[in-house]
Amino acid sequence: MAANYSRTASGYFITDAVLNYTRPKYEIGLVVNNVFNTKWKETQFDTETRLKGEANAVNEICFTPGTPFSAKLSVSVKF
């Protein structure tokens, strides 16, 4: 049976950035996720679903949304 690709998961390209400054006694870091705030679907499944009370099942792509733009600053002290 040949595939018809009627339901194909969407591809994505995201950019993350990591910057660390390390010294013998401390470290300062910055992590930026999804620098350009791209809308993306992290996990995608072709799923057959049927809610209670529905007569027929529906085939659809269910997904988990990807993380939006976020930044995290960290400071570590070594002793």
PDB file of N, CA and C in Angstrom:
ATOM      1  N   MET A   1       0.839  -1.178   0.000  1.00  0.00           N
ATOM      2  CA  MET A   1       0.000   0.000   0.000  1.00  0.00           C
ATOM      3  C   MET A   1       0.890   1.250   0.000  1.00  0.00           C
ATOM      4  N   ALA A   2       0.693   2.131  -0.932  1.00  0.00           N
ATOM      5  CA  ALA A   2       1.498   3.347  -1.052  1.00  0.00           C
ATOM      6  C   ALA A   2       1.009   4.425  -0.082  1.00  0.00           C
ATOM      7  N   ALA A   3       1.953   5.147   0.505  1.00  0.00           N
ATOM      8  CA  ALA A   3       1.602   6.244   1.424  1.00  0.00           C
ATOM      9  C   ALA A   3       1.117   7.442   0.626  1.00  0.00           C
ATOM     10  N   ASN A   4       0.083   8.131   1.138  1.00  0.00           N
ATOM     11  CA  ASN A   4      -0.409   9.307   0.424  1.00  0.00           C
ATOM     12  C   ASN A   4      -0.049  10.612   1.132  1.00  0.00           C
ATOM     13  N   TYR A   5       0.548  10.541   2.308  1.00  0.00           N
ATOM     14  CA  TYR A   5       1.013  11.712   3.057  1.00  0.00           C
ATOM     15  C   TYR A   5      -0.090  12.747   3.278  1.00  0.00           C
ATOM     16  N   SER A   6      -1.321  12.291   3.484  1.00  0.00           N
ATOM     17  CA  SER A   6      -2.424  13.227   3.698  1.00  0.00           C
ATOM     18  C   SER A   6      -2.305  13.939   5.045  1.00  0.00           C
ATOM     19  N   ARG A   7      -1.629  13.314   5.995  1.00  0.00           N
ATOM     20  CA  ARG A   7      -1.353  13.959   7.289  1.00  0.00           C
ATOM     21  C   ARG A   7       0.138  13.845   7.550  1.00  0.00           C
ATOM     22  N   THR A   8       0.828  14.944   7.401  1.00  0.00           N
ATOM     23  CA  THR A   8       2.266  14.966   7.610  1.00  0.00           C
ATOM     24  C   THR A   8       2.585  15.954   8.719  1.00  0.00           C
ATOM     25  N   ALA A   9       3.420  15.554   9.656  1.00  0.00           N
ATOM     26  CA  ALA A   9       3.825  16.435  10.757  1.00  0.00           C
ATOM     27  C   ALA A   9       4.621  17.620  10.206  1.00  0.00           C
ATOM     28  N   SER A  10       4.393  18.784  10.802  1.00  0.00           N
ATOM     29  CA  SER A  10       5.091  20.001  10.378  1.00  0.00           C
ATOM     30  C   SER A  10       6.519  20.003  10.909  1.00  0.00           C
ATOM     31  N   GLY A  11       7.451  20.413  10.082  1.00  0.00           N
ATOM     32  CA  GLY A  11       8.833  20.556  10.516  1.00  0.00           C
ATOM     33  C   GLY A  11       9.029  21.890  11.220  1.00  0.00           C
ATOM     34  N   TYR A  12      10.162  22.049  11.883  1.00  0.00           N
ATOM     35  CA  TYR A  12      10.429  23.310  12.570  1.00  0.00           C
ATOM     36  C   TYR A  12      11.926  23.532  12.684  1.00  0.00           C
ATOM     37  N   PHE A  13      12.299  24.779  12.882  1.00  0.00           N
ATOM     38  CA  PHE A  13      13.688  25.163  13.134  1.00  0.00           C
ATOM     39  C   PHE A  13      13.658  26.244  14.198  1.00  0.00           C
ATOM     40  N   ILE A  14      14.262  25.971  15.342  1.00  0.00           N
ATOM     41  CA  ILE A  14      14.311  26.961  16.408  1.00  0.00           C
ATOM     42  C   ILE A  14      15.764  27.240  16.762  1.00  0.00           C
ATOM     43  N   THR A  15      16.005  28.393  17.355  1.00  0.00           N
ATOM     44  CA  THR A  15      17.354  28.805  17.728  1.00  0.00           C
ATOM     45  C   THR A  15      17.404  29.056  19.230  1.00  0.00           C
ATOM     46  N   ASP A  16      18.358  28.420  19.890  1.00  0.00           N
ATOM     47  CA  ASP A  16      18.620  28.649  21.303  1.00  0.00           C
ATOM     48  C   ASP A  16      20.020  29.238  21.436  1.00  0.00           C
ATOM     49  N   ALA A  17      20.255  29.977  22.514  1.00  0.00           N
ATOM     50  CA  ALA A  17      21.580  30.565  22.754  1.00  0.00           C
ATOM     51  C   ALA A  17      21.987  30.301  24.198  1.00  0.00           C
ATOM     52  N   VAL A  18      23.266  29.973  24.384  1.00  0.00           N
ATOM     53  CA  VAL A  18      23.813  29.722  25.722  1.00  0.00           C
ATOM     54  C   VAL A  18      25.113  30.501  25.845  1.00  0.00           C
ATOM     55  N   LEU A  19      25.233  31.261  26.927  1.00  0.00           N
ATOM     56  CA  LEU A  19      26.436  32.054  27.179  1.00  0.00           C
ATOM     57  C   LEU A  19      26.845  31.837  28.627  1.00  0.00           C
ATOM     58  N   ASN A  20      28.096  31.451  28.851  1.00  0.00           N
ATOM     59  CA  ASN A  20      28.608  31.235  30.204  1.00  0.00           C
ATOM     60  C   ASN A  20      29.923  31.982  30.385  1.00  0.00           C
ATOM     61  N   TYR A  21      30.095  32.555  31.550  1.00  0.00           N
ATOM     62  CA  TYR A  21      31.353  33.201  31.940  1.00  0.00           C
ATOM     63  C   TYR A  21      31.831  32.473  33.190  1.00  0.00           C
ATOM     64  N   THR A  22      32.968  31.792  33.090  1.00  0.00           N
ATOM     65  CA  THR A  22      33.450  30.948  34.171  1.00  0.00           C
ATOM     66  C   THR A  22      34.762  31.466  34.732  1.00  0.00           C
ATOM     67  N   ARG A  23      34.796  31.565  36.054  1.00  0.00           N
ATOM     68  CA  ARG A  23      35.998  31.934  36.797  1.00  0.00           C
ATOM     69  C   ARG A  23      36.236  30.826  37.822  1.00  0.00           C
ATOM     70  N   PRO A  24      37.408  30.784  38.447  1.00  0.00           N
ATOM     71  CA  PRO A  24      37.672  29.713  39.423  1.00  0.00           C
ATOM     72  C   PRO A  24      36.670  29.664  40.590  1.00  0.00           C
ATOM     73  N   LYS A  25      36.141  30.798  41.026  1.00  0.00           N
ATOM     74  CA  LYS A  25      35.252  30.823  42.198  1.00  0.00           C
ATOM     75  C   LYS A  25      33.766  30.967  41.855  1.00  0.00           C
ATOM     76  N   TYR A  26      33.418  31.335  40.620  1.00  0.00           N
ATOM     77  CA  TYR A  26      32.014  31.535  40.280  1.00  0.00           C
ATOM     78  C   TYR A  26      31.785  31.359  38.783  1.00  0.00           C
ATOM     79  N   GLU A  27      30.516  31.265  38.428  1.00  0.00           N
ATOM     80  CA  GLU A  27      30.110  31.148  37.021  1.00  0.00           C
ATOM     81  C   GLU A  27      28.795  31.898  36.837  1.00  0.00           C
ATOM     82  N   ILE A  28      28.705  32.669  35.766  1.00  0.00           N
ATOM     83  CA  ILE A  28      27.481  33.384  35.418  1.00  0.00           C
ATOM     84  C   ILE A  28      27.040  32.873  34.051  1.00  0.00           C
ATOM     85  N   GLY A  29      25.749  32.545  33.928  1.00  0.00           N
ATOM     86  CA  GLY A  29      25.267  31.983  32.669  1.00  0.00           C
ATOM     87  C   GLY A  29      23.946  32.594  32.231  1.00  0.00           C
ATOM     88  N   LEU A  30      23.742  32.601  30.940  1.00  0.00           N
ATOM     89  CA  LEU A  30      22.489  33.065  30.346  1.00  0.00           C
ATOM     90  C   LEU A  30      22.069  32.048  29.294  1.00  0.00           C
ATOM     91  N   VAL A  31      20.824  31.556  29.407  1.00  0.00           N
ATOM     92  CA  VAL A  31      20.250  30.635  28.422  1.00  0.00           C
ATOM     93  C   VAL A  31      19.010  31.299  27.839  1.00  0.00           C
ATOM     94  N   VAL A  32      18.953  31.418  26.516  1.00  0.00           N
ATOM     95  CA  VAL A  32      17.784  31.967  25.832  1.00  0.00           C
ATOM     96  C   VAL A  32      17.225  30.867  24.939  1.00  0.00           C
ATOM     97  N   ASN A  33      15.985  30.464  25.206  1.00  0.00           N
ATOM     98  CA  ASN A  33      15.308  29.449  24.402  1.00  0.00           C
ATOM     99  C   ASN A  33      14.398  30.115  23.384  1.00  0.00           C
ATOM    100  N   ASN A  34      14.378  29.571  22.161  1.00  0.00           N
ATOM    101  CA  ASN A  34      13.524  30.058  21.079  1.00  0.00           C
ATOM    102  C   ASN A  34      13.733  31.567  20.872  1.00  0.00           C
ATOM    103  N   VAL A  35      14.940  31.918  20.508  1.00  0.00           N
ATOM    104  CA  VAL A  35      15.366  33.322  20.363  1.00  0.00           C
ATOM    105  C   VAL A  35      14.405  34.136  19.507  1.00  0.00           C
ATOM    106  N   PHE A  36      13.896  33.579  18.425  1.00  0.00           N
ATOM    107  CA  PHE A  36      13.038  34.318  17.496  1.00  0.00           C
ATOM    108  C   PHE A  36      11.548  34.090  17.767  1.00  0.00           C
ATOM    109  N   ASN A  37      11.209  33.467  18.899  1.00  0.00           N
ATOM    110  CA  ASN A  37       9.834  33.207  19.311  1.00  0.00           C
ATOM    111  C   ASN A  37       9.011  32.504  18.219  1.00  0.00           C
ATOM    112  N   THR A  38       9.590  31.490  17.619  1.00  0.00           N
ATOM    113  CA  THR A  38       8.951  30.710  16.555  1.00  0.00           C
ATOM    114  C   THR A  38       7.834  29.840  17.129  1.00  0.00           C
ATOM    115  N   LYS A  39       6.679  29.825  16.489  1.00  0.00           N
ATOM    116  CA  LYS A  39       5.594  28.920  16.882  1.00  0.00           C
ATOM    117  C   LYS A  39       5.936  27.539  16.318  1.00  0.00           C
ATOM    118  N   TRP A  40       5.976  26.519  17.184  1.00  0.00           N
ATOM    119  CA  TRP A  40       6.342  25.181  16.718  1.00  0.00           C
ATOM    120  C   TRP A  40       5.643  24.119  17.554  1.00  0.00           C
ATOM    121  N   LYS A  41       5.544  22.944  16.962  1.00  0.00           N
ATOM    122  CA  LYS A  41       4.893  21.803  17.611  1.00  0.00           C
ATOM    123  C   LYS A  41       5.981  20.807  18.001  1.00  0.00           C
ATOM    124  N   GLU A  42       6.192  20.664  19.317  1.00  0.00           N
ATOM    125  CA  GLU A  42       7.293  19.838  19.811  1.00  0.00           C
ATOM    126  C   GLU A  42       7.076  18.348  19.533  1.00  0.00           C
ATOM    127  N   THR A  43       5.891  17.839  19.833  1.00  0.00           N
ATOM    128  CA  THR A  43       5.573  16.430  19.634  1.00  0.00           C
ATOM    129  C   THR A  43       4.322  16.335  18.779  1.00  0.00           C
ATOM    130  N   GLN A  44       4.350  15.496  17.744  1.00  0.00           N
ATOM    131  CA  GLN A  44       3.212  15.383  16.841  1.00  0.00           C
ATOM    132  C   GLN A  44       2.893  13.911  16.593  1.00  0.00           C
ATOM    133  N   PHE A  45       1.628  13.564  16.783  1.00  0.00           N
ATOM    134  CA  PHE A  45       1.191  12.183  16.585  1.00  0.00           C
ATOM    135  C   PHE A  45      -0.056  12.164  15.706  1.00  0.00           C
ATOM    136  N   ASP A  46      -0.110  11.213  14.779  1.00  0.00           N
ATOM    137  CA  ASP A  46      -1.335  10.964  14.023  1.00  0.00           C
ATOM    138  C   ASP A  46      -2.186  10.051  14.906  1.00  0.00           C
ATOM    139  N   THR A  47      -3.301  10.575  15.390  1.00  0.00           N
ATOM    140  CA  THR A  47      -4.092   9.877  16.404  1.00  0.00           C
ATOM    141  C   THR A  47      -5.541   9.730  15.967  1.00  0.00           C
ATOM    142  N   GLU A  48      -6.119   8.599  16.292  1.00  0.00           N
ATOM    143  CA  GLU A  48      -7.544   8.395  16.078  1.00  0.00           C
ATOM    144  C   GLU A  48      -8.240   8.644  17.412  1.00  0.00           C
ATOM    145  N   THR A  49      -9.153   9.625  17.444  1.00  0.00           N
ATOM    146  CA  THR A  49      -9.829   9.983  18.690  1.00  0.00           C
ATOM    147  C   THR A  49     -11.339   9.924  18.524  1.00  0.00           C
ATOM    148  N   ARG A  50     -12.003   9.661  19.632  1.00  0.00           N
ATOM    149  CA  ARG A  50     -13.464   9.692  19.649  1.00  0.00           C
ATOM    150  C   ARG A  50     -13.907  10.084  21.049  1.00  0.00           C
ATOM    151  N   LEU A  51     -14.634  11.178  21.132  1.00  0.00           N
ATOM    152  CA  LEU A  51     -15.143  11.645  22.409  1.00  0.00           C
ATOM    153  C   LEU A  51     -16.421  10.904  22.761  1.00  0.00           C
ATOM    154  N   LYS A  52     -16.727  10.898  24.042  1.00  0.00           N
ATOM    155  CA  LYS A  52     -17.954  10.255  24.507  1.00  0.00           C
ATOM    156  C   LYS A  52     -19.143  10.910  23.809  1.00  0.00           C
ATOM    157  N   GLY A  53     -20.010  10.103  23.243  1.00  0.00           N
ATOM    158  CA  GLY A  53     -21.180  10.616  22.548  1.00  0.00           C
ATOM    159  C   GLY A  53     -20.976  10.804  21.051  1.00  0.00           C
ATOM    160  N   GLU A  54     -19.741  10.727  20.550  1.00  0.00           N
ATOM    161  CA  GLU A  54     -19.501  10.841  19.106  1.00  0.00           C
ATOM    162  C   GLU A  54     -19.670   9.475  18.460  1.00  0.00           C
ATOM    163  N   ALA A  55     -20.333   9.448  17.322  1.00  0.00           N
ATOM    164  CA  ALA A  55     -20.606   8.183  16.643  1.00  0.00           C
ATOM    165  C   ALA A  55     -19.369   7.606  15.957  1.00  0.00           C
ATOM    166  N   ASN A  56     -18.563   8.484  15.340  1.00  0.00           N
ATOM    167  CA  ASN A  56     -17.410   8.025  14.568  1.00  0.00           C
ATOM    168  C   ASN A  56     -16.118   8.616  15.110  1.00  0.00           C
ATOM    169  N   ALA A  57     -15.052   7.850  14.971  1.00  0.00           N
ATOM    170  CA  ALA A  57     -13.725   8.330  15.364  1.00  0.00           C
ATOM    171  C   ALA A  57     -13.192   9.304  14.307  1.00  0.00           C
ATOM    172  N   VAL A  58     -12.281  10.167  14.729  1.00  0.00           N
ATOM    173  CA  VAL A  58     -11.674  11.166  13.843  1.00  0.00           C
ATOM    174  C   VAL A  58     -10.166  10.971  13.857  1.00  0.00           C
ATOM    175  N   ASN A  59      -9.546  10.962  12.681  1.00  0.00           N
ATOM    176  CA  ASN A  59      -8.089  10.932  12.581  1.00  0.00           C
ATOM    177  C   ASN A  59      -7.586  12.360  12.502  1.00  0.00           C
ATOM    178  N   GLU A  60      -6.624  12.677  13.347  1.00  0.00           N
ATOM    179  CA  GLU A  60      -6.085  14.035  13.365  1.00  0.00           C
ATOM    180  C   GLU A  60      -4.682  14.015  13.932  1.00  0.00           C
ATOM    181  N   ILE A  61      -3.960  15.132  13.751  1.00  0.00           N
ATOM    182  CA  ILE A  61      -2.645  15.270  14.350  1.00  0.00           C
ATOM    183  C   ILE A  61      -2.813  15.962  15.695  1.00  0.00           C
ATOM    184  N   CYS A  62      -2.430  15.266  16.760  1.00  0.00           N
ATOM    185  CA  CYS A  62      -2.428  15.843  18.106  1.00  0.00           C
ATOM    186  C   CYS A  62      -0.983  16.257  18.401  1.00  0.00           C
ATOM    187  N   PHE A  63      -0.820  17.361  19.119  1.00  0.00           N
ATOM    188  CA  PHE A  63       0.537  17.859  19.332  1.00  0.00           C
ATOM    189  C   PHE A  63       0.695  18.522  20.688  1.00  0.00           C
ATOM    190  N   THR A  64       1.945  18.662  21.091  1.00  0.00           N
ATOM    191  CA  THR A  64       2.331  19.438  22.265  1.00  0.00           C
ATOM    192  C   THR A  64       3.002  20.698  21.747  1.00  0.00           C
ATOM    193  N   PRO A  65       2.528  21.884  22.125  1.00  0.00           N
ATOM    194  CA  PRO A  65       3.160  23.099  21.630  1.00  0.00           C
ATOM    195  C   PRO A  65       4.590  23.235  22.159  1.00  0.00           C
ATOM    196  N   GLY A  66       5.469  23.766  21.332  1.00  0.00           N
ATOM    197  CA  GLY A  66       6.849  23.990  21.729  1.00  0.00           C
ATOM    198  C   GLY A  66       6.977  25.192  22.649  1.00  0.00           C
ATOM    199  N   THR A  67       8.079  25.249  23.354  1.00  0.00           N
ATOM    200  CA  THR A  67       8.294  26.345  24.299  1.00  0.00           C
ATOM    201  C   THR A  67       8.438  27.685  23.575  1.00  0.00           C
ATOM    202  N   PRO A  68       7.808  28.726  24.120  1.00  0.00           N
ATOM    203  CA  PRO A  68       7.967  30.062  23.540  1.00  0.00           C
ATOM    204  C   PRO A  68       9.291  30.678  23.991  1.00  0.00           C
ATOM    205  N   PHE A  69       9.542  31.906  23.588  1.00  0.00           N
ATOM    206  CA  PHE A  69      10.746  32.633  23.992  1.00  0.00           C
ATOM    207  C   PHE A  69      10.839  32.649  25.512  1.00  0.00           C
ATOM    208  N   SER A  70      12.012  32.334  26.031  1.00  0.00           N
ATOM    209  CA  SER A  70      12.259  32.440  27.473  1.00  0.00           C
ATOM    210  C   SER A  70      13.748  32.641  27.701  1.00  0.00           C
ATOM    211  N   ALA A  71      14.073  33.259  28.825  1.00  0.00           N
ATOM    212  CA  ALA A  71      15.474  33.489  29.176  1.00  0.00           C
ATOM    213  C   ALA A  71      15.676  33.142  30.643  1.00  0.00           C
ATOM    214  N   LYS A  72      16.853  32.586  30.941  1.00  0.00           N
ATOM    215  CA  LYS A  72      17.172  32.211  32.313  1.00  0.00           C
ATOM    216  C   LYS A  72      18.598  32.648  32.616  1.00  0.00           C
ATOM    217  N   LEU A  73      18.755  33.392  33.692  1.00  0.00           N
ATOM    218  CA  LEU A  73      20.055  33.842  34.162  1.00  0.00           C
ATOM    219  C   LEU A  73      20.432  32.998  35.369  1.00  0.00           C
ATOM    220  N   SER A  74      21.681  32.543  35.428  1.00  0.00           N
ATOM    221  CA  SER A  74      22.103  31.733  36.562  1.00  0.00           C
ATOM    222  C   SER A  74      23.436  32.236  37.108  1.00  0.00           C
ATOM    223  N   VAL A  75      23.610  32.071  38.409  1.00  0.00           N
ATOM    224  CA  VAL A  75      24.850  32.425  39.087  1.00  0.00           C
ATOM    225  C   VAL A  75      25.222  31.245  39.971  1.00  0.00           C
ATOM    226  N   SER A  76      26.446  30.751  39.848  1.00  0.00           N
ATOM    227  CA  SER A  76      26.929  29.645  40.667  1.00  0.00           C
ATOM    228  C   SER A  76      28.185  30.063  41.399  1.00  0.00           C
ATOM    229  N   VAL A  77      28.261  29.719  42.668  1.00  0.00           N
ATOM    230  CA  VAL A  77      29.436  29.998  43.473  1.00  0.00           C
ATOM    231  C   VAL A  77      30.089  28.665  43.794  1.00  0.00           C
ATOM    232  N   LYS A  78      31.403  28.588  43.565  1.00  0.00           N
ATOM    233  CA  LYS A  78      32.144  27.350  43.812  1.00  0.00           C
ATOM    234  C   LYS A  78      32.945  27.500  45.099  1.00  0.00           C
ATOM    235  N   PHE A  79      32.849  26.495  45.966  1.00  0.00           N
ATOM    236  CA  PHE A  79      33.637  26.534  47.196  1.00  0.00           C
ATOM    237  C   PHE A  79      34.068  25.147  47.599  1.00  0.00           C
TER     238      PHE A  79
END
